[in-house]
C-alpha atoms as a PDB file:
ATOM      1  CA  MET A   1       0.000   0.000   0.000  1.00  0.00           C
ATOM      2  CA  GLU A   2       2.961   2.359   0.237  1.00  0.00           C
ATOM      3  CA  GLU A   3       2.623   2.899  -3.522  1.00  0.00           C
ATOM      4  CA  LEU A   4      -0.793   4.382  -2.887  1.00  0.00           C
ATOM      5  CA  ILE A   5      -0.415   7.995  -3.635  1.00  0.00           C
ATOM      6  CA  LEU A   6      -4.201   9.212  -2.474  1.00  0.00           C
ATOM      7  CA  ILE A   7      -5.523  13.391  -4.941  1.00  0.00           C
ATOM      8  CA  ALA A   8     -11.743  19.094  -8.249  1.00  0.00           C
ATOM      9  CA  PRO A   9     -13.278  19.792 -11.144  1.00  0.00           C
ATOM     10  CA  GLN A  10     -11.141  20.756 -14.092  1.00  0.00           C
ATOM     11  CA  ASN A  11     -11.382  24.528 -13.679  1.00  0.00           C
ATOM     12  CA  VAL A  12     -10.520  24.572  -9.966  1.00  0.00           C
ATOM     13  CA  PRO A  13      -6.724  24.823 -10.318  1.00  0.00           C
ATOM     14  CA  LEU A  14      -6.893  27.763 -12.662  1.00  0.00           C
ATOM     15  CA  VAL A  15      -9.378  29.639 -10.469  1.00  0.00           C
ATOM     16  CA  ALA A  16      -7.387  28.917  -7.319  1.00  0.00           C
ATOM     17  CA  ALA A  17      -4.160  30.083  -8.936  1.00  0.00           C
ATOM     18  CA  LYS A  18      -5.635  33.525  -9.549  1.00  0.00           C
ATOM     19  CA  ARG A  19      -6.682  33.926  -5.914  1.00  0.00           C
ATOM     20  CA  SER A  20      -3.357  33.241  -4.273  1.00  0.00           C
ATOM     21  CA  GLY A  21       0.093  34.752  -4.385  1.00  0.00           C
ATOM     22  CA  ASN A  22       1.576  31.292  -3.980  1.00  0.00           C
ATOM     23  CA  ARG A  23       0.719  29.972  -7.422  1.00  0.00           C
ATOM     24  CA  ALA A  24       2.016  26.430  -6.983  1.00  0.00           C
ATOM     25  CA  ARG A  25       0.245  25.887  -3.649  1.00  0.00           C
ATOM     26  CA  ALA A  26      -3.010  27.367  -4.940  1.00  0.00           C
ATOM     27  CA  LEU A  27      -2.776  25.217  -8.037  1.00  0.00           C
ATOM     28  CA  PHE A  28      -1.910  21.890  -6.438  1.00  0.00           C
ATOM     29  CA  GLU A  29      -3.656  21.810  -3.043  1.00  0.00           C
ATOM     30  CA  PRO A  30      -7.208  21.375  -4.430  1.00  0.00           C
ATOM     31  CA  LEU A  31      -5.934  18.487  -6.561  1.00  0.00           C
ATOM     32  CA  LEU A  32      -4.246  16.577  -3.757  1.00  0.00           C
ATOM     33  CA  ALA A  33      -7.263  15.757  -1.569  1.00  0.00           C
ATOM     34  CA  HIS A  34      -6.998  12.094  -2.517  1.00  0.00           C
ATOM     35  CA  GLN A  35      -3.379  12.118  -1.311  1.00  0.00           C
ATOM     36  CA  GLN A  36      -4.673  12.757   2.206  1.00  0.00           C
ATOM     37  CA  ILE A  37      -7.125   9.877   1.863  1.00  0.00           C
ATOM     38  CA  LEU A  38      -4.365   7.545   0.743  1.00  0.00           C
ATOM     39  CA  ARG A  39      -2.201   8.619   3.655  1.00  0.00           C
ATOM     40  CA  GLN A  40      -5.049   7.870   6.083  1.00  0.00           C
ATOM     41  CA  ILE A  41      -5.525   4.438   4.524  1.00  0.00           C
ATOM     42  CA  ILE A  42      -1.811   3.698   4.830  1.00  0.00           C
ATOM     43  CA  ASP A  43      -1.378   5.113   8.348  1.00  0.00           C
ATOM     44  CA  ALA A  44      -4.400   3.241   9.710  1.00  0.00           C
ATOM     45  CA  GLN A  45      -3.392   0.056   7.833  1.00  0.00           C
ATOM     46  CA  LEU A  46      -6.841  -0.096   6.272  1.00  0.00           C
ATOM     47  CA  GLY A  47      -5.449  -2.004   3.311  1.00  0.00           C
ATOM     48  CA  GLU A  48      -5.665  -5.126   5.458  1.00  0.00           C
ATOM     49  CA  TRP A  49      -9.455  -5.095   5.021  1.00  0.00           C
ATOM     50  CA  ILE A  50      -9.016  -6.173   1.403  1.00  0.00           C
ATOM     51  CA  GLY A  51      -8.347  -9.758   2.527  1.00  0.00           C
ATOM     52  CA  VAL A  52     -11.226  -9.968   5.030  1.00  0.00           C
ATOM     53  CA  LYS A  53     -14.117 -12.228   4.060  1.00  0.00           C
ATOM     54  CA  LEU A  54     -17.787 -11.311   4.268  1.00  0.00           C
ATOM     55  CA  LEU A  55     -19.744 -12.812   7.152  1.00  0.00           C
ATOM     56  CA  ASP A  56     -22.158 -15.663   6.440  1.00  0.00           C
ATOM     57  CA  LEU A  57     -25.662 -14.238   6.118  1.00  0.00           C
ATOM     58  CA  ARG A  58     -27.222 -17.695   6.426  1.00  0.00           C
ATOM     59  CA  ASN A  59     -26.554 -17.766  10.171  1.00  0.00           C
ATOM     60  CA  PRO A  60     -26.737 -14.166  11.418  1.00  0.00           C
ATOM     61  CA  ASP A  61     -26.898 -15.087  15.106  1.00  0.00           C
ATOM     62  CA  ALA A  62     -23.537 -16.885  14.919  1.00  0.00           C
ATOM     63  CA  ALA A  63     -21.945 -13.866  13.190  1.00  0.00           C
ATOM     64  CA  ARG A  64     -23.551 -11.171  15.361  1.00  0.00           C
ATOM     65  CA  GLU A  65     -20.552 -10.470  17.621  1.00  0.00           C
ATOM     66  CA  ARG A  66     -18.115 -10.289  14.703  1.00  0.00           C
ATOM     67  CA  ALA A  67     -20.521  -8.046  12.805  1.00  0.00           C
ATOM     68  CA  PHE A  68     -20.815  -5.700  15.784  1.00  0.00           C
ATOM     69  CA  LEU A  69     -17.019  -5.527  16.178  1.00  0.00           C
ATOM     70  CA  ARG A  70     -16.475  -5.059  12.444  1.00  0.00           C
ATOM     71  CA  ARG A  71     -18.995  -2.219  12.286  1.00  0.00           C
ATOM     72  CA  LYS A  72     -17.175  -0.541  15.158  1.00  0.00           C
ATOM     73  CA  GLN A  73     -13.723  -0.929  13.543  1.00  0.00           C
ATOM     74  CA  LEU A  74     -14.599   0.203  10.018  1.00  0.00           C
ATOM     75  CA  PRO A  75     -14.681   3.924   9.132  1.00  0.00           C
ATOM     76  CA  GLU A  76     -18.062   5.644   9.125  1.00  0.00           C
ATOM     77  CA  ARG A  77     -20.205   5.121   6.026  1.00  0.00           C
ATOM     78  CA  ALA A  78     -20.209   8.852   5.184  1.00  0.00           C
ATOM     79  CA  THR A  79     -16.399   8.875   5.314  1.00  0.00           C
ATOM     80  CA  LEU A  80     -16.103   5.850   3.044  1.00  0.00           C
ATOM     81  CA  HIS A  81     -18.472   7.315   0.461  1.00  0.00           C
ATOM     82  CA  ALA A  82     -16.669  10.674   0.546  1.00  0.00           C
ATOM     83  CA  TRP A  83     -13.370   8.851  -0.024  1.00  0.00           C
ATOM     84  CA  ASP A  84     -14.872   6.872  -2.892  1.00  0.00           C
ATOM     85  CA  ASP A  85     -16.202  10.062  -4.536  1.00  0.00           C
ATOM     86  CA  GLU A  86     -12.778  11.722  -4.320  1.00  0.00           C
ATOM     87  CA  LEU A  87     -10.955   8.699  -5.711  1.00  0.00           C
ATOM     88  CA  CYS A  88     -13.519   8.332  -8.481  1.00  0.00           C
ATOM     89  CA  ARG A  89     -12.933  11.958  -9.469  1.00  0.00           C
ATOM     90  CA  ALA A  90      -9.183  11.360  -9.639  1.00  0.00           C
ATOM     91  CA  LEU A  91      -9.558   8.206 -11.705  1.00  0.00           C
ATOM     92  CA  ASP A  92     -12.384   9.113 -14.067  1.00  0.00           C
ATOM     93  CA  GLY A  93     -11.765  12.797 -14.731  1.00  0.00           C
ATOM     94  CA  LYS A  94     -10.052  14.172 -17.812  1.00  0.00           C
ATOM     95  CA  ALA A  95      -8.240  17.489 -17.706  1.00  0.00           C
ATOM     96  CA  ASP A  96      -8.542  20.000 -20.507  1.00  0.00           C
ATOM     97  CA  GLU A  97      -5.411  21.021 -22.385  1.00  0.00           C
ATOM     98  CA  LYS A  98      -5.137  24.401 -20.661  1.00  0.00           C
ATOM     99  CA  THR A  99      -5.146  22.841 -17.184  1.00  0.00           C
ATOM    100  CA  LEU A 100      -2.558  20.240 -18.206  1.00  0.00           C
ATOM    101  CA  SER A 101      -0.352  22.950 -19.731  1.00  0.00           C
ATOM    102  CA  VAL A 102      -0.452  25.005 -16.534  1.00  0.00           C
ATOM    103  CA  LEU A 103       0.442  21.958 -14.423  1.00  0.00           C
ATOM    104  CA  LEU A 104       3.312  20.941 -16.715  1.00  0.00           C
ATOM    105  CA  THR A 105       4.736  24.460 -16.869  1.00  0.00           C
ATOM    106  CA  THR A 106       4.544  24.744 -13.079  1.00  0.00           C
ATOM    107  CA  MET A 107       6.330  21.394 -12.748  1.00  0.00           C
ATOM    108  CA  LEU A 108       9.226  22.679 -14.863  1.00  0.00           C
ATOM    109  CA  ASP A 109       9.298  25.941 -12.871  1.00  0.00           C
ATOM    110  CA  GLY A 110      10.119  23.783  -9.855  1.00  0.00           C
ATOM    111  CA  PHE A 111      13.556  23.023 -11.285  1.00  0.00           C
ATOM    112  CA  PRO A 112      16.466  25.453 -11.794  1.00  0.00           C
ATOM    113  CA  ARG A 113      16.230  27.597 -14.904  1.00  0.00           C
ATOM    114  CA  GLY A 114      17.993  26.287 -17.959  1.00  0.00           C
ATOM    115  CA  MET A 115      17.499  22.603 -17.166  1.00  0.00           C
ATOM    116  CA  VAL A 116      14.854  22.406 -19.901  1.00  0.00           C
ATOM    117  CA  PRO A 117      16.113  24.206 -23.020  1.00  0.00           C
ATOM    118  CA  ASN A 118      12.645  24.668 -24.514  1.00  0.00           C
ATOM    119  CA  ILE A 119       9.733  24.521 -22.074  1.00  0.00           C
ATOM    120  CA  ARG A 120       7.157  25.045 -24.810  1.00  0.00           C
ATOM    121  CA  THR A 121       8.408  22.056 -26.809  1.00  0.00           C
ATOM    122  CA  PHE A 122       8.409  19.858 -23.687  1.00  0.00           C
ATOM    123  CA  VAL A 123       4.857  20.867 -22.766  1.00  0.00           C
ATOM    124  CA  GLU A 124       3.552  20.369 -26.312  1.00  0.00           C
ATOM    125  CA  GLY A 125       5.235  16.970 -26.552  1.00  0.00           C
ATOM    126  CA  ALA A 126       3.905  15.906 -23.154  1.00  0.00           C
ATOM    127  CA  LEU A 127       0.391  16.964 -24.134  1.00  0.00           C
ATOM    128  CA  ILE A 128       0.527  14.756 -27.242  1.00  0.00           C
ATOM    129  CA  VAL A 129       1.510  11.741 -25.148  1.00  0.00           C
ATOM    130  CA  ILE A 130      -0.802  12.482 -22.209  1.00  0.00           C
ATOM    131  CA  ASP A 131      -3.809  13.041 -24.468  1.00  0.00           C
ATOM    132  CA  HIS A 132      -3.923   9.306 -25.269  1.00  0.00           C
ATOM    133  CA  HIS A 133      -4.124   8.426 -21.560  1.00  0.00           C
ATOM    134  CA  ALA A 134      -7.138  10.558 -20.504  1.00  0.00           C
ATOM    135  CA  LEU A 135      -5.490  11.859 -17.337  1.00  0.00           C
ATOM    136  CA  ALA A 136      -7.366  13.662 -14.609  1.00  0.00           C
ATOM    137  CA  PRO A 137      -5.573  16.743 -13.268  1.00  0.00           C
ATOM    138  CA  GLU A 138      -5.473  15.038  -9.847  1.00  0.00           C
ATOM    139  CA  ILE A 139      -3.332  12.199 -11.209  1.00  0.00           C
ATOM    140  CA  LEU A 140      -0.934  14.513 -13.026  1.00  0.00           C
ATOM    141  CA  ALA A 141      -0.608  16.694  -9.928  1.00  0.00           C
ATOM    142  CA  ALA A 142       0.178  13.639  -7.770  1.00  0.00           C
ATOM    143  CA  ALA A 143       2.828  12.521 -10.271  1.00  0.00           C
ATOM    144  CA  ILE A 144       4.401  15.990 -10.336  1.00  0.00           C
ATOM    145  CA  VAL A 145       4.607  16.220  -6.542  1.00  0.00           C
ATOM    146  CA  ARG A 146       6.281  12.818  -6.464  1.00  0.00           C
ATOM    147  CA  ILE A 147       8.759  13.966  -9.120  1.00  0.00           C
ATOM    148  CA  TRP A 148       9.550  17.123  -7.147  1.00  0.00           C
ATOM    149  CA  ARG A 149      10.222  15.022  -4.052  1.00  0.00           C
ATOM    150  CA  LYS A 150      12.635  12.567  -5.624  1.00  0.00           C
ATOM    151  CA  ASN A 151      14.111  14.086  -8.813  1.00  0.00           C
ATOM    152  CA  LYS A 152      17.003  16.519  -8.978  1.00  0.00           C
ATOM    153  CA  PHE A 153      16.459  16.971 -12.703  1.00  0.00           C
ATOM    154  CA  PRO A 154      13.315  17.409 -14.808  1.00  0.00           C
ATOM    155  CA  PRO A 155      11.852  14.119 -16.019  1.00  0.00           C
ATOM    156  CA  THR A 156      11.655  12.977 -19.598  1.00  0.00           C
ATOM    157  CA  ILE A 157       8.142  12.707 -20.979  1.00  0.00           C
ATOM    158  CA  SER A 158       8.402   8.934 -20.620  1.00  0.00           C
ATOM    159  CA  GLU A 159       9.398   9.242 -16.937  1.00  0.00           C
ATOM    160  CA  LEU A 160       6.514  11.645 -16.349  1.00  0.00           C
ATOM    161  CA  LEU A 161       4.080   9.163 -17.858  1.00  0.00           C
ATOM    162  CA  ASP A 162       5.503   6.370 -15.673  1.00  0.00           C
ATOM    163  CA  GLU A 163       4.851   8.480 -12.575  1.00  0.00           C
ATOM    164  CA  CYS A 164       1.306   9.212 -13.792  1.00  0.00           C
ATOM    165  CA  ASN A 165       0.710   5.481 -14.181  1.00  0.00           C
ATOM    166  CA  ARG A 166       2.001   4.877 -10.629  1.00  0.00           C
ATOM    167  CA  ALA A 167      -0.263   7.594  -9.277  1.00  0.00           C
ATOM    168  CA  ARG A 168      -3.261   6.163 -11.099  1.00  0.00           C
ATOM    169  CA  GLN A 169      -2.486   2.638  -9.883  1.00  0.00           C
ATOM    170  CA  GLY A 170      -2.209   3.922  -6.331  1.00  0.00           C
ATOM    171  CA  ALA A 171      -5.615   5.575  -6.565  1.00  0.00           C
ATOM    172  CA  THR A 172      -7.062   2.423  -8.140  1.00  0.00           C
ATOM    173  CA  ASN A 173      -5.707   0.289  -5.290  1.00  0.00           C
ATOM    174  CA  ALA A 174      -7.089   2.711  -2.728  1.00  0.00           C
ATOM    175  CA  ARG A 175     -10.527   2.713  -4.329  1.00  0.00           C
ATOM    176  CA  ARG A 176     -10.514  -1.090  -4.269  1.00  0.00           C
ATOM    177  CA  VAL A 177      -9.837  -0.990  -0.524  1.00  0.00           C
ATOM    178  CA  VAL A 178     -12.627   1.549   0.033  1.00  0.00           C
ATOM    179  CA  ALA A 179     -15.076  -0.528  -2.037  1.00  0.00           C
ATOM    180  CA  LYS A 180     -14.229  -3.597   0.041  1.00  0.00           C
ATOM    181  CA  MET A 181     -14.750  -1.690   3.295  1.00  0.00           C
ATOM    182  CA  ILE A 182     -18.161  -0.492   2.080  1.00  0.00           C
ATOM    183  CA  ALA A 183     -19.103  -4.075   1.197  1.00  0.00           C
ATOM    184  CA  LEU A 184     -17.960  -5.289   4.625  1.00  0.00           C
ATOM    185  CA  LEU A 185     -19.930  -2.543   6.358  1.00  0.00           C
ATOM    186  CA  ASP A 186     -23.061  -3.404   4.334  1.00  0.00           C
ATOM    187  CA  ASN A 187     -22.573  -7.060   5.226  1.00  0.00           C
ATOM    188  CA  ALA A 188     -22.099  -6.357   8.946  1.00  0.00           C
ATOM    189  CA  GLU A 189     -25.159  -4.107   9.082  1.00  0.00           C
ATOM    190  CA  GLU A 190     -27.243  -6.725   7.299  1.00  0.00           C
ATOM    191  CA  ILE A 191     -26.227  -9.253   9.953  1.00  0.00           C
ATOM    192  CA  LEU A 192     -27.063  -6.809  12.755  1.00  0.00           C
ATOM    193  CA  GLY A 193     -30.353  -5.947  11.124  1.00  0.00           C
ATOM    194  CA  ALA A 194     -31.289  -9.615  10.871  1.00  0.00           C
ATOM    195  CA  THR A 195     -30.547 -10.100  14.590  1.00  0.00           C
ATOM    196  CA  GLY A 196     -32.445  -6.985  15.640  1.00  0.00           C
ATOM    197  CA  GLU A 197     -29.336  -5.040  16.697  1.00  0.00           C
ATOM    198  CA  ILE A 198     -30.088  -2.220  14.276  1.00  0.00           C
ATOM    199  CA  ARG A 199     -33.141  -1.251  12.249  1.00  0.00           C
ATOM    200  CA  GLN A 200     -32.988  -2.205   8.591  1.00  0.00           C
END
């Protein structure tokens, strides 16, 4: 789960950038909400729920205690659905060319001047490659932050795409964990409802 790298509608980064003197922070913070979700999943070791089996609905009385404990241990339903919505936005969104261009240019601004001889050519080339992968701005932003953390030099377009794929896989893994937790919570509540512990 350490590869999980948890990140607003397409126009949010551009609007936010105009409102703040710190352009990079205003641009990236709205796109990195799923990063915080991923960190919570990792820190709380919630990935372990992926291997937990559903309780047997055929004998609810025998599973009542485990259902009660499971319901207590799992995150609240509202939290899980909010996480799922955020991850879905990061995975299913597609940024417009202007948003992608702003993100790419900002990424290159994070490195010393002169490291990229022609920023415009890099951005145009990256847009051609990225366009075939239907990237959400959240995924590109997550990849860029990761690049800033570990790279001393600007990435090639191929390296950038690799980081985008890692970010997308991380979000996919996280959403799988969240979906499993929702299924487990539904299952536990069905058991408790059948035994009269909670109203159906």
